[in-house]
Amino acid sequence: MTDRDQEQQALEEGAQERTGGAVDAADDEDASSPFDHPAFLPVLLWGLAVWFGYDGWINQDPDMLEHVTFNRWGFGILVVLGLYFTIQSLRETRAGKSPEA
């Protein structure tokens, strides 16, 4: 087993010498996910607002008419939140693209 450990250590040292001891930038950064995108929350909120709006005003299913007030209030709240977070997302995106002075 010691021969394998020594061999592995020699390979690692050789790899460090070839790269000059530099570590890949990808190893230092966290992996990005779709949830990190600035438009994720606004898109989610607008999608829910469409769903609530459909159930609140368009859907005529008798079973859903019991919940029409809930859907209409939910639609209003989600539209307000959707507007707010859309504006925030646009500001964040524009700030990231603008050249820093």
PDB file of N, CA and C in Angstrom:
ATOM      1  N   MET A   1       0.799  -1.193   0.000  1.00  0.00           N
ATOM      2  CA  MET A   1       0.000   0.000   0.000  1.00  0.00           C
ATOM      3  C   MET A   1       0.850   1.269   0.000  1.00  0.00           C
ATOM      4  N   THR A   2       1.998   1.232   0.634  1.00  0.00           N
ATOM      5  CA  THR A   2       2.824   2.431   0.700  1.00  0.00           C
ATOM      6  C   THR A   2       3.339   2.820  -0.682  1.00  0.00           C
ATOM      7  N   ASP A   3       3.587   1.827  -1.549  1.00  0.00           N
ATOM      8  CA  ASP A   3       4.030   2.134  -2.907  1.00  0.00           C
ATOM      9  C   ASP A   3       2.959   2.924  -3.656  1.00  0.00           C
ATOM     10  N   ARG A   4       1.691   2.529  -3.463  1.00  0.00           N
ATOM     11  CA  ARG A   4       0.594   3.233  -4.143  1.00  0.00           C
ATOM     12  C   ARG A   4       0.458   4.650  -3.595  1.00  0.00           C
ATOM     13  N   ASP A   5       0.609   4.827  -2.286  1.00  0.00           N
ATOM     14  CA  ASP A   5       0.508   6.149  -1.691  1.00  0.00           C
ATOM     15  C   ASP A   5       1.628   7.057  -2.177  1.00  0.00           C
ATOM     16  N   GLN A   6       2.829   6.520  -2.247  1.00  0.00           N
ATOM     17  CA  GLN A   6       3.962   7.298  -2.734  1.00  0.00           C
ATOM     18  C   GLN A   6       3.775   7.650  -4.205  1.00  0.00           C
ATOM     19  N   GLU A   7       3.252   6.715  -4.968  1.00  0.00           N
ATOM     20  CA  GLU A   7       3.016   6.951  -6.391  1.00  0.00           C
ATOM     21  C   GLU A   7       1.954   8.043  -6.578  1.00  0.00           C
ATOM     22  N   GLN A   8       0.898   7.979  -5.787  1.00  0.00           N
ATOM     23  CA  GLN A   8      -0.167   8.987  -5.867  1.00  0.00           C
ATOM     24  C   GLN A   8       0.366  10.363  -5.485  1.00  0.00           C
ATOM     25  N   GLN A   9       1.180  10.418  -4.432  1.00  0.00           N
ATOM     26  CA  GLN A   9       1.752  11.674  -3.992  1.00  0.00           C
ATOM     27  C   GLN A   9       2.671  12.252  -5.070  1.00  0.00           C
ATOM     28  N   ALA A  10       3.461  11.415  -5.716  1.00  0.00           N
ATOM     29  CA  ALA A  10       4.352  11.873  -6.784  1.00  0.00           C
ATOM     30  C   ALA A  10       3.542  12.425  -7.957  1.00  0.00           C
ATOM     31  N   LEU A  11       2.437  11.770  -8.295  1.00  0.00           N
ATOM     32  CA  LEU A  11       1.589  12.261  -9.382  1.00  0.00           C
ATOM     33  C   LEU A  11       0.980  13.626  -9.036  1.00  0.00           C
ATOM     34  N   GLU A  12       0.530  13.793  -7.800  1.00  0.00           N
ATOM     35  CA  GLU A  12      -0.053  15.066  -7.387  1.00  0.00           C
ATOM     36  C   GLU A  12       0.986  16.182  -7.408  1.00  0.00           C
ATOM     37  N   GLU A  13       2.192  15.890  -6.946  1.00  0.00           N
ATOM     38  CA  GLU A  13       3.252  16.895  -6.966  1.00  0.00           C
ATOM     39  C   GLU A  13       3.626  17.264  -8.399  1.00  0.00           C
ATOM     40  N   GLY A  14       3.665  16.281  -9.274  1.00  0.00           N
ATOM     41  CA  GLY A  14       3.963  16.552 -10.682  1.00  0.00           C
ATOM     42  C   GLY A  14       2.886  17.416 -11.322  1.00  0.00           C
ATOM     43  N   ALA A  15       1.649  17.179 -10.965  1.00  0.00           N
ATOM     44  CA  ALA A  15       0.553  17.982 -11.513  1.00  0.00           C
ATOM     45  C   ALA A  15       0.642  19.424 -11.024  1.00  0.00           C
ATOM     46  N   GLN A  16       1.022  19.617  -9.761  1.00  0.00           N
ATOM     47  CA  GLN A  16       1.158  20.969  -9.233  1.00  0.00           C
ATOM     48  C   GLN A  16       2.304  21.710  -9.906  1.00  0.00           C
ATOM     49  N   GLU A  17       3.389  21.011 -10.191  1.00  0.00           N
ATOM     50  CA  GLU A  17       4.528  21.642 -10.848  1.00  0.00           C
ATOM     51  C   GLU A  17       4.160  22.062 -12.272  1.00  0.00           C
ATOM     52  N   ARG A  18       3.395  21.227 -12.974  1.00  0.00           N
ATOM     53  CA  ARG A  18       3.023  21.558 -14.359  1.00  0.00           C
ATOM     54  C   ARG A  18       2.087  22.761 -14.414  1.00  0.00           C
ATOM     55  N   THR A  19       1.200  22.894 -13.439  1.00  0.00           N
ATOM     56  CA  THR A  19       0.262  24.019 -13.442  1.00  0.00           C
ATOM     57  C   THR A  19       0.821  25.217 -12.699  1.00  0.00           C
ATOM     58  N   GLY A  20       1.980  25.072 -12.117  1.00  0.00           N
ATOM     59  CA  GLY A  20       2.574  26.170 -11.378  1.00  0.00           C
ATOM     60  C   GLY A  20       1.884  26.400 -10.042  1.00  0.00           C
ATOM     61  N   GLY A  21       1.177  25.393  -9.562  1.00  0.00           N
ATOM     62  CA  GLY A  21       0.497  25.510  -8.284  1.00  0.00           C
ATOM     63  C   GLY A  21      -0.822  26.265  -8.383  1.00  0.00           C
ATOM     64  N   ALA A  22      -1.216  26.624  -9.601  1.00  0.00           N
ATOM     65  CA  ALA A  22      -2.473  27.368  -9.771  1.00  0.00           C
ATOM     66  C   ALA A  22      -3.655  26.430  -9.624  1.00  0.00           C
ATOM     67  N   VAL A  23      -4.698  26.966  -9.059  1.00  0.00           N
ATOM     68  CA  VAL A  23      -5.929  26.210  -8.883  1.00  0.00           C
ATOM     69  C   VAL A  23      -6.945  26.745  -9.888  1.00  0.00           C
ATOM     70  N   ASP A  24      -7.708  25.862 -10.474  1.00  0.00           N
ATOM     71  CA  ASP A  24      -8.710  26.300 -11.439  1.00  0.00           C
ATOM     72  C   ASP A  24      -9.683  27.266 -10.794  1.00  0.00           C
ATOM     73  N   ALA A  25     -10.093  28.278 -11.549  1.00  0.00           N
ATOM     74  CA  ALA A  25     -11.058  29.258 -11.036  1.00  0.00           C
ATOM     75  C   ALA A  25     -12.406  28.596 -10.784  1.00  0.00           C
ATOM     76  N   ALA A  26     -12.707  27.564 -11.556  1.00  0.00           N
ATOM     77  CA  ALA A  26     -13.994  26.874 -11.388  1.00  0.00           C
ATOM     78  C   ALA A  26     -14.069  26.182 -10.036  1.00  0.00           C
ATOM     79  N   ASP A  27     -12.928  25.764  -9.497  1.00  0.00           N
ATOM     80  CA  ASP A  27     -12.928  25.119  -8.191  1.00  0.00           C
ATOM     81  C   ASP A  27     -13.217  26.122  -7.076  1.00  0.00           C
ATOM     82  N   ASP A  28     -12.820  27.388  -7.277  1.00  0.00           N
ATOM     83  CA  ASP A  28     -13.023  28.403  -6.256  1.00  0.00           C
ATOM     84  C   ASP A  28     -14.453  28.937  -6.235  1.00  0.00           C
ATOM     85  N   GLU A  29     -15.107  28.945  -7.395  1.00  0.00           N
ATOM     86  CA  GLU A  29     -16.456  29.509  -7.476  1.00  0.00           C
ATOM     87  C   GLU A  29     -17.495  28.444  -7.140  1.00  0.00           C
ATOM     88  N   ASP A  30     -18.599  28.902  -6.564  1.00  0.00           N
ATOM     89  CA  ASP A  30     -19.712  28.000  -6.324  1.00  0.00           C
ATOM     90  C   ASP A  30     -20.443  27.767  -7.631  1.00  0.00           C
ATOM     91  N   ALA A  31     -21.008  26.597  -7.766  1.00  0.00           N
ATOM     92  CA  ALA A  31     -21.756  26.285  -8.967  1.00  0.00           C
ATOM     93  C   ALA A  31     -23.031  27.117  -9.003  1.00  0.00           C
ATOM     94  N   SER A  32     -23.324  27.669 -10.160  1.00  0.00           N
ATOM     95  CA  SER A  32     -24.527  28.483 -10.323  1.00  0.00           C
ATOM     96  C   SER A  32     -25.714  27.572 -10.580  1.00  0.00           C
ATOM     97  N   SER A  33     -26.881  28.012 -10.126  1.00  0.00           N
ATOM     98  CA  SER A  33     -28.083  27.239 -10.368  1.00  0.00           C
ATOM     99  C   SER A  33     -29.144  28.167 -10.950  1.00  0.00           C
ATOM    100  N   PRO A  34     -30.211  27.613 -11.513  1.00  0.00           N
ATOM    101  CA  PRO A  34     -31.263  28.465 -12.053  1.00  0.00           C
ATOM    102  C   PRO A  34     -31.909  29.345 -10.985  1.00  0.00           C
ATOM    103  N   PHE A  35     -31.870  28.915  -9.733  1.00  0.00           N
ATOM    104  CA  PHE A  35     -32.471  29.696  -8.660  1.00  0.00           C
ATOM    105  C   PHE A  35     -31.687  30.968  -8.368  1.00  0.00           C
ATOM    106  N   ASP A  36     -30.440  31.057  -8.824  1.00  0.00           N
ATOM    107  CA  ASP A  36     -29.617  32.240  -8.609  1.00  0.00           C
ATOM    108  C   ASP A  36     -29.867  33.325  -9.643  1.00  0.00           C
ATOM    109  N   HIS A  37     -30.576  33.009 -10.716  1.00  0.00           N
ATOM    110  CA  HIS A  37     -30.818  33.979 -11.779  1.00  0.00           C
ATOM    111  C   HIS A  37     -31.736  35.086 -11.267  1.00  0.00           C
ATOM    112  N   PRO A  38     -31.443  36.343 -11.599  1.00  0.00           N
ATOM    113  CA  PRO A  38     -32.257  37.444 -11.084  1.00  0.00           C
ATOM    114  C   PRO A  38     -33.714  37.413 -11.559  1.00  0.00           C
ATOM    115  N   ALA A  39     -34.000  36.741 -12.659  1.00  0.00           N
ATOM    116  CA  ALA A  39     -35.371  36.722 -13.176  1.00  0.00           C
ATOM    117  C   ALA A  39     -36.181  35.545 -12.643  1.00  0.00           C
ATOM    118  N   PHE A  40     -35.594  34.686 -11.826  1.00  0.00           N
ATOM    119  CA  PHE A  40     -36.309  33.497 -11.364  1.00  0.00           C
ATOM    120  C   PHE A  40     -37.557  33.858 -10.556  1.00  0.00           C
ATOM    121  N   LEU A  41     -37.403  34.696  -9.543  1.00  0.00           N
ATOM    122  CA  LEU A  41     -38.539  35.037  -8.682  1.00  0.00           C
ATOM    123  C   LEU A  41     -39.626  35.805  -9.433  1.00  0.00           C
ATOM    124  N   PRO A  42     -39.283  36.822 -10.253  1.00  0.00           N
ATOM    125  CA  PRO A  42     -40.347  37.508 -10.996  1.00  0.00           C
ATOM    126  C   PRO A  42     -41.124  36.582 -11.927  1.00  0.00           C
ATOM    127  N   VAL A  43     -40.443  35.688 -12.604  1.00  0.00           N
ATOM    128  CA  VAL A  43     -41.137  34.762 -13.500  1.00  0.00           C
ATOM    129  C   VAL A  43     -42.061  33.842 -12.702  1.00  0.00           C
ATOM    130  N   LEU A  44     -41.586  33.369 -11.573  1.00  0.00           N
ATOM    131  CA  LEU A  44     -42.408  32.515 -10.716  1.00  0.00           C
ATOM    132  C   LEU A  44     -43.649  33.268 -10.225  1.00  0.00           C
ATOM    133  N   LEU A  45     -43.462  34.505  -9.780  1.00  0.00           N
ATOM    134  CA  LEU A  45     -44.586  35.295  -9.286  1.00  0.00           C
ATOM    135  C   LEU A  45     -45.597  35.609 -10.383  1.00  0.00           C
ATOM    136  N   TRP A  46     -45.115  35.953 -11.579  1.00  0.00           N
ATOM    137  CA  TRP A  46     -46.036  36.237 -12.687  1.00  0.00           C
ATOM    138  C   TRP A  46     -46.791  34.978 -13.102  1.00  0.00           C
ATOM    139  N   GLY A  47     -46.127  33.838 -13.080  1.00  0.00           N
ATOM    140  CA  GLY A  47     -46.813  32.586 -13.400  1.00  0.00           C
ATOM    141  C   GLY A  47     -47.912  32.275 -12.396  1.00  0.00           C
ATOM    142  N   LEU A  48     -47.632  32.465 -11.126  1.00  0.00           N
ATOM    143  CA  LEU A  48     -48.654  32.249 -10.099  1.00  0.00           C
ATOM    144  C   LEU A  48     -49.784  33.276 -10.217  1.00  0.00           C
ATOM    145  N   ALA A  49     -49.445  34.513 -10.587  1.00  0.00           N
ATOM    146  CA  ALA A  49     -50.478  35.539 -10.757  1.00  0.00           C
ATOM    147  C   ALA A  49     -51.427  35.171 -11.895  1.00  0.00           C
ATOM    148  N   VAL A  50     -50.883  34.632 -12.980  1.00  0.00           N
ATOM    149  CA  VAL A  50     -51.740  34.185 -14.088  1.00  0.00           C
ATOM    150  C   VAL A  50     -52.662  33.071 -13.623  1.00  0.00           C
ATOM    151  N   TRP A  51     -52.125  32.144 -12.865  1.00  0.00           N
ATOM    152  CA  TRP A  51     -52.928  31.023 -12.358  1.00  0.00           C
ATOM    153  C   TRP A  51     -54.048  31.532 -11.441  1.00  0.00           C
ATOM    154  N   PHE A  52     -53.692  32.397 -10.496  1.00  0.00           N
ATOM    155  CA  PHE A  52     -54.697  32.941  -9.578  1.00  0.00           C
ATOM    156  C   PHE A  52     -55.718  33.791 -10.334  1.00  0.00           C
ATOM    157  N   GLY A  53     -55.252  34.568 -11.308  1.00  0.00           N
ATOM    158  CA  GLY A  53     -56.169  35.395 -12.090  1.00  0.00           C
ATOM    159  C   GLY A  53     -57.145  34.551 -12.892  1.00  0.00           C
ATOM    160  N   TYR A  54     -56.655  33.475 -13.469  1.00  0.00           N
ATOM    161  CA  TYR A  54     -57.543  32.579 -14.216  1.00  0.00           C
ATOM    162  C   TYR A  54     -58.599  31.990 -13.292  1.00  0.00           C
ATOM    163  N   ASP A  55     -58.169  31.492 -12.147  1.00  0.00           N
ATOM    164  CA  ASP A  55     -59.119  30.896 -11.205  1.00  0.00           C
ATOM    165  C   ASP A  55     -60.046  31.944 -10.589  1.00  0.00           C
ATOM    166  N   GLY A  56     -59.598  33.185 -10.481  1.00  0.00           N
ATOM    167  CA  GLY A  56     -60.397  34.220  -9.857  1.00  0.00           C
ATOM    168  C   GLY A  56     -61.430  34.864 -10.765  1.00  0.00           C
ATOM    169  N   TRP A  57     -61.127  34.981 -12.070  1.00  0.00           N
ATOM    170  CA  TRP A  57     -62.032  35.698 -12.953  1.00  0.00           C
ATOM    171  C   TRP A  57     -62.528  34.898 -14.154  1.00  0.00           C
ATOM    172  N   ILE A  58     -61.768  33.976 -14.660  1.00  0.00           N
ATOM    173  CA  ILE A  58     -62.147  33.300 -15.908  1.00  0.00           C
ATOM    174  C   ILE A  58     -62.793  31.944 -15.677  1.00  0.00           C
ATOM    175  N   ASN A  59     -62.261  31.169 -14.761  1.00  0.00           N
ATOM    176  CA  ASN A  59     -62.735  29.809 -14.518  1.00  0.00           C
ATOM    177  C   ASN A  59     -64.166  29.822 -13.981  1.00  0.00           C
ATOM    178  N   GLN A  60     -65.036  29.036 -14.575  1.00  0.00           N
ATOM    179  CA  GLN A  60     -66.427  28.957 -14.155  1.00  0.00           C
ATOM    180  C   GLN A  60     -66.777  27.610 -13.525  1.00  0.00           C
ATOM    181  N   ASP A  61     -65.783  26.860 -13.118  1.00  0.00           N
ATOM    182  CA  ASP A  61     -66.008  25.563 -12.476  1.00  0.00           C
ATOM    183  C   ASP A  61     -66.717  25.781 -11.139  1.00  0.00           C
ATOM    184  N   PRO A  62     -67.867  25.133 -10.915  1.00  0.00           N
ATOM    185  CA  PRO A  62     -68.613  25.351  -9.664  1.00  0.00           C
ATOM    186  C   PRO A  62     -67.814  25.014  -8.405  1.00  0.00           C
ATOM    187  N   ASP A  63     -66.915  24.040  -8.496  1.00  0.00           N
ATOM    188  CA  ASP A  63     -66.101  23.694  -7.323  1.00  0.00           C
ATOM    189  C   ASP A  63     -65.115  24.804  -6.976  1.00  0.00           C
ATOM    190  N   MET A  64     -64.658  25.537  -7.988  1.00  0.00           N
ATOM    191  CA  MET A  64     -63.676  26.593  -7.751  1.00  0.00           C
ATOM    192  C   MET A  64     -64.328  27.913  -7.347  1.00  0.00           C
ATOM    193  N   LEU A  65     -65.630  28.065  -7.560  1.00  0.00           N
ATOM    194  CA  LEU A  65     -66.299  29.315  -7.210  1.00  0.00           C
ATOM    195  C   LEU A  65     -66.324  29.551  -5.697  1.00  0.00           C
ATOM    196  N   GLU A  66     -66.123  28.492  -4.923  1.00  0.00           N
ATOM    197  CA  GLU A  66     -66.037  28.655  -3.470  1.00  0.00           C
ATOM    198  C   GLU A  66     -64.809  29.472  -3.076  1.00  0.00           C
ATOM    199  N   HIS A  67     -63.781  29.411  -3.888  1.00  0.00           N
ATOM    200  CA  HIS A  67     -62.485  30.015  -3.557  1.00  0.00           C
ATOM    201  C   HIS A  67     -62.208  31.271  -4.367  1.00  0.00           C
ATOM    202  N   VAL A  68     -63.226  31.870  -4.967  1.00  0.00           N
ATOM    203  CA  VAL A  68     -62.999  32.988  -5.863  1.00  0.00           C
ATOM    204  C   VAL A  68     -62.402  34.199  -5.135  1.00  0.00           C
ATOM    205  N   THR A  69     -62.812  34.469  -3.920  1.00  0.00           N
ATOM    206  CA  THR A  69     -62.270  35.603  -3.171  1.00  0.00           C
ATOM    207  C   THR A  69     -60.789  35.398  -2.868  1.00  0.00           C
ATOM    208  N   PHE A  70     -60.440  34.180  -2.458  1.00  0.00           N
ATOM    209  CA  PHE A  70     -59.034  33.854  -2.196  1.00  0.00           C
ATOM    210  C   PHE A  70     -58.189  34.064  -3.445  1.00  0.00           C
ATOM    211  N   ASN A  71     -58.675  33.598  -4.594  1.00  0.00           N
ATOM    212  CA  ASN A  71     -57.921  33.717  -5.840  1.00  0.00           C
ATOM    213  C   ASN A  71     -57.789  35.169  -6.287  1.00  0.00           C
ATOM    214  N   ARG A  72     -58.812  35.966  -6.082  1.00  0.00           N
ATOM    215  CA  ARG A  72     -58.742  37.371  -6.482  1.00  0.00           C
ATOM    216  C   ARG A  72     -57.778  38.149  -5.591  1.00  0.00           C
ATOM    217  N   TRP A  73     -57.805  37.899  -4.283  1.00  0.00           N
ATOM    218  CA  TRP A  73     -56.848  38.537  -3.388  1.00  0.00           C
ATOM    219  C   TRP A  73     -55.418  38.069  -3.697  1.00  0.00           C
ATOM    220  N   GLY A  74     -55.279  36.776  -3.913  1.00  0.00           N
ATOM    221  CA  GLY A  74     -53.959  36.246  -4.258  1.00  0.00           C
ATOM    222  C   GLY A  74     -53.426  36.848  -5.536  1.00  0.00           C
ATOM    223  N   PHE A  75     -54.298  37.028  -6.528  1.00  0.00           N
ATOM    224  CA  PHE A  75     -53.904  37.657  -7.791  1.00  0.00           C
ATOM    225  C   PHE A  75     -53.387  39.073  -7.548  1.00  0.00           C
ATOM    226  N   GLY A  76     -54.118  39.848  -6.767  1.00  0.00           N
ATOM    227  CA  GLY A  76     -53.697  41.224  -6.497  1.00  0.00           C
ATOM    228  C   GLY A  76     -52.360  41.297  -5.779  1.00  0.00           C
ATOM    229  N   ILE A  77     -52.185  40.468  -4.782  1.00  0.00           N
ATOM    230  CA  ILE A  77     -50.928  40.450  -4.034  1.00  0.00           C
ATOM    231  C   ILE A  77     -49.768  40.013  -4.923  1.00  0.00           C
ATOM    232  N   LEU A  78     -49.998  38.977  -5.734  1.00  0.00           N
ATOM    233  CA  LEU A  78     -48.929  38.483  -6.599  1.00  0.00           C
ATOM    234  C   LEU A  78     -48.569  39.473  -7.697  1.00  0.00           C
ATOM    235  N   VAL A  79     -49.530  40.231  -8.197  1.00  0.00           N
ATOM    236  CA  VAL A  79     -49.224  41.251  -9.201  1.00  0.00           C
ATOM    237  C   VAL A  79     -48.342  42.337  -8.589  1.00  0.00           C
ATOM    238  N   VAL A  80     -48.685  42.779  -7.377  1.00  0.00           N
ATOM    239  CA  VAL A  80     -47.874  43.804  -6.710  1.00  0.00           C
ATOM    240  C   VAL A  80     -46.464  43.277  -6.464  1.00  0.00           C
ATOM    241  N   LEU A  81     -46.346  42.069  -5.936  1.00  0.00           N
ATOM    242  CA  LEU A  81     -45.018  41.481  -5.699  1.00  0.00           C
ATOM    243  C   LEU A  81     -44.269  41.251  -7.010  1.00  0.00           C
ATOM    244  N   GLY A  82     -44.989  40.826  -8.046  1.00  0.00           N
ATOM    245  CA  GLY A  82     -44.362  40.616  -9.350  1.00  0.00           C
ATOM    246  C   GLY A  82     -43.793  41.903  -9.911  1.00  0.00           C
ATOM    247  N   LEU A  83     -44.539  42.995  -9.801  1.00  0.00           N
ATOM    248  CA  LEU A  83     -44.029  44.294 -10.260  1.00  0.00           C
ATOM    249  C   LEU A  83     -42.789  44.708  -9.472  1.00  0.00           C
ATOM    250  N   TYR A  84     -42.860  44.599  -8.160  1.00  0.00           N
ATOM    251  CA  TYR A  84     -41.734  45.007  -7.321  1.00  0.00           C
ATOM    252  C   TYR A  84     -40.467  44.208  -7.653  1.00  0.00           C
ATOM    253  N   PHE A  85     -40.588  42.878  -7.691  1.00  0.00           N
ATOM    254  CA  PHE A  85     -39.403  42.055  -7.927  1.00  0.00           C
ATOM    255  C   PHE A  85     -38.932  42.102  -9.370  1.00  0.00           C
ATOM    256  N   THR A  86     -39.817  42.419 -10.311  1.00  0.00           N
ATOM    257  CA  THR A  86     -39.386  42.616 -11.698  1.00  0.00           C
ATOM    258  C   THR A  86     -38.526  43.866 -11.794  1.00  0.00           C
ATOM    259  N   ILE A  87     -38.958  44.939 -11.150  1.00  0.00           N
ATOM    260  CA  ILE A  87     -38.169  46.178 -11.146  1.00  0.00           C
ATOM    261  C   ILE A  87     -36.823  45.943 -10.471  1.00  0.00           C
ATOM    262  N   GLN A  88     -36.821  45.236  -9.339  1.00  0.00           N
ATOM    263  CA  GLN A  88     -35.561  44.928  -8.653  1.00  0.00           C
ATOM    264  C   GLN A  88     -34.636  44.096  -9.535  1.00  0.00           C
ATOM    265  N   SER A  89     -35.209  43.133 -10.236  1.00  0.00           N
ATOM    266  CA  SER A  89     -34.414  42.266 -11.105  1.00  0.00           C
ATOM    267  C   SER A  89     -33.797  43.062 -12.257  1.00  0.00           C
ATOM    268  N   LEU A  90     -34.582  43.953 -12.844  1.00  0.00           N
ATOM    269  CA  LEU A  90     -34.060  44.788 -13.933  1.00  0.00           C
ATOM    270  C   LEU A  90     -32.940  45.696 -13.432  1.00  0.00           C
ATOM    271  N   ARG A  91     -33.125  46.266 -12.249  1.00  0.00           N
ATOM    272  CA  ARG A  91     -32.067  47.117 -11.680  1.00  0.00           C
ATOM    273  C   ARG A  91     -30.797  46.324 -11.418  1.00  0.00           C
ATOM    274  N   GLU A  92     -30.948  45.120 -10.878  1.00  0.00           N
ATOM    275  CA  GLU A  92     -29.789  44.276 -10.593  1.00  0.00           C
ATOM    276  C   GLU A  92     -29.072  43.888 -11.877  1.00  0.00           C
ATOM    277  N   THR A  93     -29.835  43.562 -12.906  1.00  0.00           N
ATOM    278  CA  THR A  93     -29.235  43.173 -14.192  1.00  0.00           C
ATOM    279  C   THR A  93     -28.509  44.340 -14.822  1.00  0.00           C
ATOM    280  N   ARG A  94     -29.120  45.523 -14.788  1.00  0.00           N
ATOM    281  CA  ARG A  94     -28.497  46.718 -15.367  1.00  0.00           C
ATOM    282  C   ARG A  94     -27.249  47.107 -14.586  1.00  0.00           C
ATOM    283  N   ALA A  95     -27.280  46.969 -13.283  1.00  0.00           N
ATOM    284  CA  ALA A  95     -26.115  47.311 -12.464  1.00  0.00           C
ATOM    285  C   ALA A  95     -24.948  46.374 -12.749  1.00  0.00           C
ATOM    286  N   GLY A  96     -25.261  45.121 -13.041  1.00  0.00           N
ATOM    287  CA  GLY A  96     -24.212  44.151 -13.355  1.00  0.00           C
ATOM    288  C   GLY A  96     -23.587  44.380 -14.716  1.00  0.00           C
ATOM    289  N   LYS A  97     -24.339  44.979 -15.640  1.00  0.00           N
ATOM    290  CA  LYS A  97     -23.839  45.222 -17.004  1.00  0.00           C
ATOM    291  C   LYS A  97     -23.135  46.553 -17.141  1.00  0.00           C
ATOM    292  N   SER A  98     -23.414  47.514 -16.267  1.00  0.00           N
ATOM    293  CA  SER A  98     -22.835  48.830 -16.412  1.00  0.00           C
ATOM    294  C   SER A  98     -21.344  48.785 -16.080  1.00  0.00           C
ATOM    295  N   PRO A  99     -20.550  49.536 -16.839  1.00  0.00           N
ATOM    296  CA  PRO A  99     -19.107  49.570 -16.561  1.00  0.00           C
ATOM    297  C   PRO A  99     -18.850  50.317 -15.263  1.00  0.00           C
ATOM    298  N   GLU A 100     -17.994  49.739 -14.448  1.00  0.00           N
ATOM    299  CA  GLU A 100     -17.674  50.364 -13.169  1.00  0.00           C
ATOM    300  C   GLU A 100     -16.627  51.438 -13.379  1.00  0.00           C
ATOM    301  N   ALA A 101     -16.825  52.573 -12.749  1.00  0.00           N
ATOM    302  CA  ALA A 101     -15.899  53.700 -12.917  1.00  0.00           C
ATOM    303  C   ALA A 101     -14.811  53.691 -11.880  1.00  0.00           C
TER     304      ALA A 101
END
